Amino acid sequence: MAPLALLNFSVGVFSILLIGRRFVTVERLKEIAAEPAEPDLPPGSFKLYSPLVFLVAILSAPRLIPGWPDMSTPLPFC
């Protein structure tokens, strides 16, 4: 398992640096850091936690509901 993890992590880091580097500039990072946080969204709102609730529902539905199609584990994380 360790050789597979080393291969995946090294390729992942390399691809992030190679592909994502051209889209990130210092000026853009300063703009993002200067933007104020969205004050309209309260910290405990359902909109904030809805992706997590949806993920738990998709992962647990095949075991809880008979006949529910199993989408396997990687598909919900996509």
PDB file of N, CA and C in Angstrom:
ATOM      1  N   MET A   1       0.811  -1.193   0.000  1.00  0.00           N
ATOM      2  CA  MET A   1       0.000   0.000   0.000  1.00  0.00           C
ATOM      3  C   MET A   1       0.859   1.263   0.000  1.00  0.00           C
ATOM      4  N   ALA A   2       1.985   1.220   0.647  1.00  0.00           N
ATOM      5  CA  ALA A   2       2.848   2.394   0.719  1.00  0.00           C
ATOM      6  C   ALA A   2       3.376   2.808  -0.657  1.00  0.00           C
ATOM      7  N   PRO A   3       3.807   1.869  -1.519  1.00  0.00           N
ATOM      8  CA  PRO A   3       4.271   2.314  -2.839  1.00  0.00           C
ATOM      9  C   PRO A   3       3.168   2.987  -3.659  1.00  0.00           C
ATOM     10  N   LEU A   4       1.936   2.480  -3.540  1.00  0.00           N
ATOM     11  CA  LEU A   4       0.831   3.086  -4.265  1.00  0.00           C
ATOM     12  C   LEU A   4       0.551   4.492  -3.741  1.00  0.00           C
ATOM     13  N   ALA A   5       0.600   4.677  -2.426  1.00  0.00           N
ATOM     14  CA  ALA A   5       0.373   6.000  -1.842  1.00  0.00           C
ATOM     15  C   ALA A   5       1.470   6.970  -2.273  1.00  0.00           C
ATOM     16  N   LEU A   6       2.705   6.526  -2.281  1.00  0.00           N
ATOM     17  CA  LEU A   6       3.806   7.397  -2.706  1.00  0.00           C
ATOM     18  C   LEU A   6       3.637   7.808  -4.166  1.00  0.00           C
ATOM     19  N   LEU A   7       3.237   6.873  -4.996  1.00  0.00           N
ATOM     20  CA  LEU A   7       3.024   7.184  -6.406  1.00  0.00           C
ATOM     21  C   LEU A   7       1.874   8.175  -6.574  1.00  0.00           C
ATOM     22  N   ASN A   8       0.760   7.948  -5.886  1.00  0.00           N
ATOM     23  CA  ASN A   8      -0.392   8.831  -6.018  1.00  0.00           C
ATOM     24  C   ASN A   8      -0.116  10.226  -5.476  1.00  0.00           C
ATOM     25  N   PHE A   9       0.509  10.314  -4.311  1.00  0.00           N
ATOM     26  CA  PHE A   9       0.767  11.626  -3.721  1.00  0.00           C
ATOM     27  C   PHE A   9       1.761  12.435  -4.549  1.00  0.00           C
ATOM     28  N   SER A  10       2.792  11.779  -5.048  1.00  0.00           N
ATOM     29  CA  SER A  10       3.773  12.512  -5.844  1.00  0.00           C
ATOM     30  C   SER A  10       3.162  13.010  -7.153  1.00  0.00           C
ATOM     31  N   VAL A  11       2.368  12.186  -7.812  1.00  0.00           N
ATOM     32  CA  VAL A  11       1.715  12.608  -9.051  1.00  0.00           C
ATOM     33  C   VAL A  11       0.683  13.695  -8.752  1.00  0.00           C
ATOM     34  N   GLY A  12      -0.032  13.577  -7.635  1.00  0.00           N
ATOM     35  CA  GLY A  12      -1.019  14.584  -7.261  1.00  0.00           C
ATOM     36  C   GLY A  12      -0.391  15.938  -6.983  1.00  0.00           C
ATOM     37  N   VAL A  13       0.663  15.966  -6.206  1.00  0.00           N
ATOM     38  CA  VAL A  13       1.342  17.233  -5.907  1.00  0.00           C
ATOM     39  C   VAL A  13       1.935  17.832  -7.173  1.00  0.00           C
ATOM     40  N   PHE A  14       2.551  17.018  -7.999  1.00  0.00           N
ATOM     41  CA  PHE A  14       3.131  17.505  -9.247  1.00  0.00           C
ATOM     42  C   PHE A  14       2.064  18.107 -10.153  1.00  0.00           C
ATOM     43  N   SER A  15       0.915  17.428 -10.282  1.00  0.00           N
ATOM     44  CA  SER A  15      -0.126  17.940 -11.173  1.00  0.00           C
ATOM     45  C   SER A  15      -0.753  19.217 -10.624  1.00  0.00           C
ATOM     46  N   ILE A  16      -0.917  19.313  -9.317  1.00  0.00           N
ATOM     47  CA  ILE A  16      -1.459  20.542  -8.733  1.00  0.00           C
ATOM     48  C   ILE A  16      -0.508  21.711  -8.985  1.00  0.00           C
ATOM     49  N   LEU A  17       0.770  21.477  -8.775  1.00  0.00           N
ATOM     50  CA  LEU A  17       1.735  22.559  -8.988  1.00  0.00           C
ATOM     51  C   LEU A  17       1.856  22.917 -10.463  1.00  0.00           C
ATOM     52  N   LEU A  18       1.820  21.929 -11.329  1.00  0.00           N
ATOM     53  CA  LEU A  18       1.989  22.189 -12.755  1.00  0.00           C
ATOM     54  C   LEU A  18       0.752  22.851 -13.355  1.00  0.00           C
ATOM     55  N   ILE A  19      -0.425  22.327 -13.048  1.00  0.00           N
ATOM     56  CA  ILE A  19      -1.648  22.842 -13.651  1.00  0.00           C
ATOM     57  C   ILE A  19      -2.138  24.100 -12.943  1.00  0.00           C
ATOM     58  N   GLY A  20      -2.110  24.110 -11.627  1.00  0.00           N
ATOM     59  CA  GLY A  20      -2.680  25.221 -10.884  1.00  0.00           C
ATOM     60  C   GLY A  20      -1.790  26.438 -10.769  1.00  0.00           C
ATOM     61  N   ARG A  21      -0.520  26.286 -11.000  1.00  0.00           N
ATOM     62  CA  ARG A  21       0.423  27.397 -10.822  1.00  0.00           C
ATOM     63  C   ARG A  21       0.123  28.575 -11.742  1.00  0.00           C
ATOM     64  N   ARG A  22      -0.320  28.314 -12.947  1.00  0.00           N
ATOM     65  CA  ARG A  22      -0.546  29.400 -13.900  1.00  0.00           C
ATOM     66  C   ARG A  22      -1.791  30.218 -13.579  1.00  0.00           C
ATOM     67  N   PHE A  23      -2.701  29.676 -12.752  1.00  0.00           N
ATOM     68  CA  PHE A  23      -3.920  30.392 -12.414  1.00  0.00           C
ATOM     69  C   PHE A  23      -3.803  31.205 -11.131  1.00  0.00           C
ATOM     70  N   VAL A  24      -2.724  31.029 -10.381  1.00  0.00           N
ATOM     71  CA  VAL A  24      -2.549  31.724  -9.107  1.00  0.00           C
ATOM     72  C   VAL A  24      -1.462  32.775  -9.255  1.00  0.00           C
ATOM     73  N   THR A  25      -1.821  34.014  -8.921  1.00  0.00           N
ATOM     74  CA  THR A  25      -0.844  35.098  -8.920  1.00  0.00           C
ATOM     75  C   THR A  25      -0.874  35.772  -7.557  1.00  0.00           C
ATOM     76  N   VAL A  26       0.160  36.500  -7.247  1.00  0.00           N
ATOM     77  CA  VAL A  26       0.233  37.199  -5.974  1.00  0.00           C
ATOM     78  C   VAL A  26      -0.857  38.257  -5.890  1.00  0.00           C
ATOM     79  N   GLU A  27      -1.134  38.939  -6.980  1.00  0.00           N
ATOM     80  CA  GLU A  27      -2.170  39.974  -6.980  1.00  0.00           C
ATOM     81  C   GLU A  27      -3.540  39.369  -6.692  1.00  0.00           C
ATOM     82  N   ARG A  28      -3.822  38.224  -7.305  1.00  0.00           N
ATOM     83  CA  ARG A  28      -5.122  37.577  -7.081  1.00  0.00           C
ATOM     84  C   ARG A  28      -5.255  37.093  -5.641  1.00  0.00           C
ATOM     85  N   LEU A  29      -4.184  36.578  -5.056  1.00  0.00           N
ATOM     86  CA  LEU A  29      -4.221  36.157  -3.661  1.00  0.00           C
ATOM     87  C   LEU A  29      -4.461  37.340  -2.729  1.00  0.00           C
ATOM     88  N   LYS A  30      -3.877  38.495  -3.046  1.00  0.00           N
ATOM     89  CA  LYS A  30      -4.115  39.688  -2.234  1.00  0.00           C
ATOM     90  C   LYS A  30      -5.561  40.156  -2.351  1.00  0.00           C
ATOM     91  N   GLU A  31      -6.155  40.050  -3.555  1.00  0.00           N
ATOM     92  CA  GLU A  31      -7.558  40.412  -3.735  1.00  0.00           C
ATOM     93  C   GLU A  31      -8.472  39.506  -2.916  1.00  0.00           C
ATOM     94  N   ILE A  32      -8.187  38.219  -2.930  1.00  0.00           N
ATOM     95  CA  ILE A  32      -9.009  37.269  -2.183  1.00  0.00           C
ATOM     96  C   ILE A  32      -8.876  37.509  -0.689  1.00  0.00           C
ATOM     97  N   ALA A  33      -7.678  37.798  -0.217  1.00  0.00           N
ATOM     98  CA  ALA A  33      -7.478  38.044   1.209  1.00  0.00           C
ATOM     99  C   ALA A  33      -8.144  39.333   1.659  1.00  0.00           C
ATOM    100  N   ALA A  34      -8.281  40.310   0.764  1.00  0.00           N
ATOM    101  CA  ALA A  34      -8.892  41.590   1.126  1.00  0.00           C
ATOM    102  C   ALA A  34     -10.413  41.543   1.100  1.00  0.00           C
ATOM    103  N   GLU A  35     -11.010  40.535   0.463  1.00  0.00           N
ATOM    104  CA  GLU A  35     -12.470  40.441   0.392  1.00  0.00           C
ATOM    105  C   GLU A  35     -13.044  40.165   1.776  1.00  0.00           C
ATOM    106  N   PRO A  36     -14.124  40.845   2.117  1.00  0.00           N
ATOM    107  CA  PRO A  36     -14.746  40.564   3.416  1.00  0.00           C
ATOM    108  C   PRO A  36     -15.486  39.232   3.390  1.00  0.00           C
ATOM    109  N   ALA A  37     -15.623  38.647   4.553  1.00  0.00           N
ATOM    110  CA  ALA A  37     -16.365  37.398   4.651  1.00  0.00           C
ATOM    111  C   ALA A  37     -17.847  37.665   4.401  1.00  0.00           C
ATOM    112  N   GLU A  38     -18.558  36.667   3.942  1.00  0.00           N
ATOM    113  CA  GLU A  38     -19.974  36.824   3.631  1.00  0.00           C
ATOM    114  C   GLU A  38     -20.775  36.920   4.942  1.00  0.00           C
ATOM    115  N   PRO A  39     -21.308  38.094   5.266  1.00  0.00           N
ATOM    116  CA  PRO A  39     -22.001  38.242   6.549  1.00  0.00           C
ATOM    117  C   PRO A  39     -23.427  37.700   6.541  1.00  0.00           C
ATOM    118  N   ASP A  40     -23.998  37.419   5.374  1.00  0.00           N
ATOM    119  CA  ASP A  40     -25.382  36.976   5.290  1.00  0.00           C
ATOM    120  C   ASP A  40     -25.575  35.537   5.741  1.00  0.00           C
ATOM    121  N   LEU A  41     -24.532  34.756   5.808  1.00  0.00           N
ATOM    122  CA  LEU A  41     -24.639  33.349   6.139  1.00  0.00           C
ATOM    123  C   LEU A  41     -24.304  33.129   7.612  1.00  0.00           C
ATOM    124  N   PRO A  42     -25.293  32.790   8.444  1.00  0.00           N
ATOM    125  CA  PRO A  42     -24.986  32.540   9.853  1.00  0.00           C
ATOM    126  C   PRO A  42     -24.158  31.269  10.013  1.00  0.00           C
ATOM    127  N   PRO A  43     -23.383  31.154  11.077  1.00  0.00           N
ATOM    128  CA  PRO A  43     -22.481  30.004  11.227  1.00  0.00           C
ATOM    129  C   PRO A  43     -23.184  28.660  11.328  1.00  0.00           C
ATOM    130  N   GLY A  44     -24.407  28.601  11.807  1.00  0.00           N
ATOM    131  CA  GLY A  44     -25.085  27.317  11.963  1.00  0.00           C
ATOM    132  C   GLY A  44     -26.167  27.075  10.934  1.00  0.00           C
ATOM    133  N   SER A  45     -26.094  27.698   9.774  1.00  0.00           N
ATOM    134  CA  SER A  45     -27.168  27.568   8.794  1.00  0.00           C
ATOM    135  C   SER A  45     -27.117  26.211   8.095  1.00  0.00           C
ATOM    136  N   PHE A  46     -28.274  25.777   7.603  1.00  0.00           N
ATOM    137  CA  PHE A  46     -28.356  24.505   6.887  1.00  0.00           C
ATOM    138  C   PHE A  46     -27.598  24.562   5.569  1.00  0.00           C
ATOM    139  N   LYS A  47     -27.551  25.744   4.956  1.00  0.00           N
ATOM    140  CA  LYS A  47     -26.859  25.891   3.673  1.00  0.00           C
ATOM    141  C   LYS A  47     -25.371  25.556   3.819  1.00  0.00           C
ATOM    142  N   LEU A  48     -24.823  25.831   4.969  1.00  0.00           N
ATOM    143  CA  LEU A  48     -23.416  25.560   5.214  1.00  0.00           C
ATOM    144  C   LEU A  48     -23.145  24.058   5.316  1.00  0.00           C
ATOM    145  N   TYR A  49     -24.061  23.320   5.947  1.00  0.00           N
ATOM    146  CA  TYR A  49     -23.852  21.898   6.184  1.00  0.00           C
ATOM    147  C   TYR A  49     -24.553  21.003   5.170  1.00  0.00           C
ATOM    148  N   SER A  50     -25.245  21.562   4.199  1.00  0.00           N
ATOM    149  CA  SER A  50     -25.998  20.746   3.252  1.00  0.00           C
ATOM    150  C   SER A  50     -25.121  19.793   2.419  1.00  0.00           C
ATOM    151  N   PRO A  51     -23.924  20.155   1.975  1.00  0.00           N
ATOM    152  CA  PRO A  51     -23.110  19.165   1.244  1.00  0.00           C
ATOM    153  C   PRO A  51     -22.733  17.957   2.099  1.00  0.00           C
ATOM    154  N   LEU A  52     -22.444  18.176   3.371  1.00  0.00           N
ATOM    155  CA  LEU A  52     -22.104  17.067   4.258  1.00  0.00           C
ATOM    156  C   LEU A  52     -23.312  16.162   4.495  1.00  0.00           C
ATOM    157  N   VAL A  53     -24.484  16.751   4.681  1.00  0.00           N
ATOM    158  CA  VAL A  53     -25.709  15.968   4.867  1.00  0.00           C
ATOM    159  C   VAL A  53     -26.010  15.160   3.603  1.00  0.00           C
ATOM    160  N   PHE A  54     -25.853  15.766   2.447  1.00  0.00           N
ATOM    161  CA  PHE A  54     -26.072  15.074   1.175  1.00  0.00           C
ATOM    162  C   PHE A  54     -25.101  13.903   1.008  1.00  0.00           C
ATOM    163  N   LEU A  55     -23.844  14.092   1.357  1.00  0.00           N
ATOM    164  CA  LEU A  55     -22.848  13.032   1.245  1.00  0.00           C
ATOM    165  C   LEU A  55     -23.180  11.866   2.164  1.00  0.00           C
ATOM    166  N   VAL A  56     -23.560  12.151   3.401  1.00  0.00           N
ATOM    167  CA  VAL A  56     -23.922  11.085   4.336  1.00  0.00           C
ATOM    168  C   VAL A  56     -25.150  10.336   3.830  1.00  0.00           C
ATOM    169  N   ALA A  57     -26.097  11.058   3.258  1.00  0.00           N
ATOM    170  CA  ALA A  57     -27.299  10.405   2.730  1.00  0.00           C
ATOM    171  C   ALA A  57     -26.952   9.492   1.556  1.00  0.00           C
ATOM    172  N   ILE A  58     -26.101   9.939   0.660  1.00  0.00           N
ATOM    173  CA  ILE A  58     -25.726   9.112  -0.491  1.00  0.00           C
ATOM    174  C   ILE A  58     -24.936   7.876  -0.065  1.00  0.00           C
ATOM    175  N   LEU A  59     -24.060   8.028   0.922  1.00  0.00           N
ATOM    176  CA  LEU A  59     -23.253   6.893   1.355  1.00  0.00           C
ATOM    177  C   LEU A  59     -24.053   5.884   2.178  1.00  0.00           C
ATOM    178  N   SER A  60     -25.054   6.332   2.920  1.00  0.00           N
ATOM    179  CA  SER A  60     -25.797   5.416   3.781  1.00  0.00           C
ATOM    180  C   SER A  60     -27.084   4.890   3.146  1.00  0.00           C
ATOM    181  N   ALA A  61     -27.563   5.496   2.087  1.00  0.00           N
ATOM    182  CA  ALA A  61     -28.828   5.081   1.472  1.00  0.00           C
ATOM    183  C   ALA A  61     -28.821   3.638   0.962  1.00  0.00           C
ATOM    184  N   PRO A  62     -27.759   3.125   0.338  1.00  0.00           N
ATOM    185  CA  PRO A  62     -27.811   1.733  -0.136  1.00  0.00           C
ATOM    186  C   PRO A  62     -27.995   0.709   0.990  1.00  0.00           C
ATOM    187  N   ARG A  63     -27.538   1.025   2.192  1.00  0.00           N
ATOM    188  CA  ARG A  63     -27.700   0.086   3.300  1.00  0.00           C
ATOM    189  C   ARG A  63     -29.043   0.254   4.004  1.00  0.00           C
ATOM    190  N   LEU A  64     -29.591   1.461   3.975  1.00  0.00           N
ATOM    191  CA  LEU A  64     -30.828   1.726   4.702  1.00  0.00           C
ATOM    192  C   LEU A  64     -32.081   1.476   3.872  1.00  0.00           C
ATOM    193  N   ILE A  65     -32.037   1.728   2.581  1.00  0.00           N
ATOM    194  CA  ILE A  65     -33.210   1.622   1.715  1.00  0.00           C
ATOM    195  C   ILE A  65     -33.000   0.459   0.747  1.00  0.00           C
ATOM    196  N   PRO A  66     -33.862  -0.565   0.831  1.00  0.00           N
ATOM    197  CA  PRO A  66     -33.709  -1.692  -0.103  1.00  0.00           C
ATOM    198  C   PRO A  66     -34.000  -1.255  -1.547  1.00  0.00           C
ATOM    199  N   GLY A  67     -33.185  -1.694  -2.451  1.00  0.00           N
ATOM    200  CA  GLY A  67     -33.359  -1.365  -3.860  1.00  0.00           C
ATOM    201  C   GLY A  67     -32.689  -0.079  -4.290  1.00  0.00           C
ATOM    202  N   TRP A  68     -32.093   0.651  -3.361  1.00  0.00           N
ATOM    203  CA  TRP A  68     -31.384   1.884  -3.709  1.00  0.00           C
ATOM    204  C   TRP A  68     -30.097   1.509  -4.439  1.00  0.00           C
ATOM    205  N   PRO A  69     -29.813   2.116  -5.589  1.00  0.00           N
ATOM    206  CA  PRO A  69     -28.591   1.731  -6.323  1.00  0.00           C
ATOM    207  C   PRO A  69     -27.327   2.159  -5.574  1.00  0.00           C
ATOM    208  N   ASP A  70     -26.368   1.259  -5.536  1.00  0.00           N
ATOM    209  CA  ASP A  70     -25.096   1.551  -4.877  1.00  0.00           C
ATOM    210  C   ASP A  70     -24.181   2.240  -5.877  1.00  0.00           C
ATOM    211  N   MET A  71     -23.789   3.476  -5.575  1.00  0.00           N
ATOM    212  CA  MET A  71     -22.949   4.249  -6.489  1.00  0.00           C
ATOM    213  C   MET A  71     -21.470   4.083  -6.193  1.00  0.00           C
ATOM    214  N   SER A  72     -21.132   3.205  -5.294  1.00  0.00           N
ATOM    215  CA  SER A  72     -19.770   2.972  -4.811  1.00  0.00           C
ATOM    216  C   SER A  72     -19.257   4.190  -4.072  1.00  0.00           C
ATOM    217  N   THR A  73     -18.108   4.091  -3.485  1.00  0.00           N
ATOM    218  CA  THR A  73     -17.602   5.179  -2.647  1.00  0.00           C
ATOM    219  C   THR A  73     -16.985   6.332  -3.437  1.00  0.00           C
ATOM    220  N   PRO A  74     -16.242   6.152  -4.514  1.00  0.00           N
ATOM    221  CA  PRO A  74     -15.620   7.306  -5.167  1.00  0.00           C
ATOM    222  C   PRO A  74     -16.596   8.282  -5.821  1.00  0.00           C
ATOM    223  N   LEU A  75     -17.729   7.790  -6.312  1.00  0.00           N
ATOM    224  CA  LEU A  75     -18.651   8.673  -7.024  1.00  0.00           C
ATOM    225  C   LEU A  75     -19.193   9.807  -6.154  1.00  0.00           C
ATOM    226  N   PRO A  76     -19.661   9.571  -4.922  1.00  0.00           N
ATOM    227  CA  PRO A  76     -20.143  10.706  -4.116  1.00  0.00           C
ATOM    228  C   PRO A  76     -19.066  11.736  -3.816  1.00  0.00           C
ATOM    229  N   PHE A  77     -17.809  11.332  -3.746  1.00  0.00           N
ATOM    230  CA  PHE A  77     -16.753  12.295  -3.458  1.00  0.00           C
ATOM    231  C   PHE A  77     -16.356  13.122  -4.680  1.00  0.00           C
ATOM    232  N   CYS A  78     -16.780  12.705  -5.859  1.00  0.00           N
ATOM    233  CA  CYS A  78     -16.519  13.499  -7.060  1.00  0.00           C
ATOM    234  C   CYS A  78     -17.381  14.731  -7.054  1.00  0.00           C
TER     235      CYS A  78
END
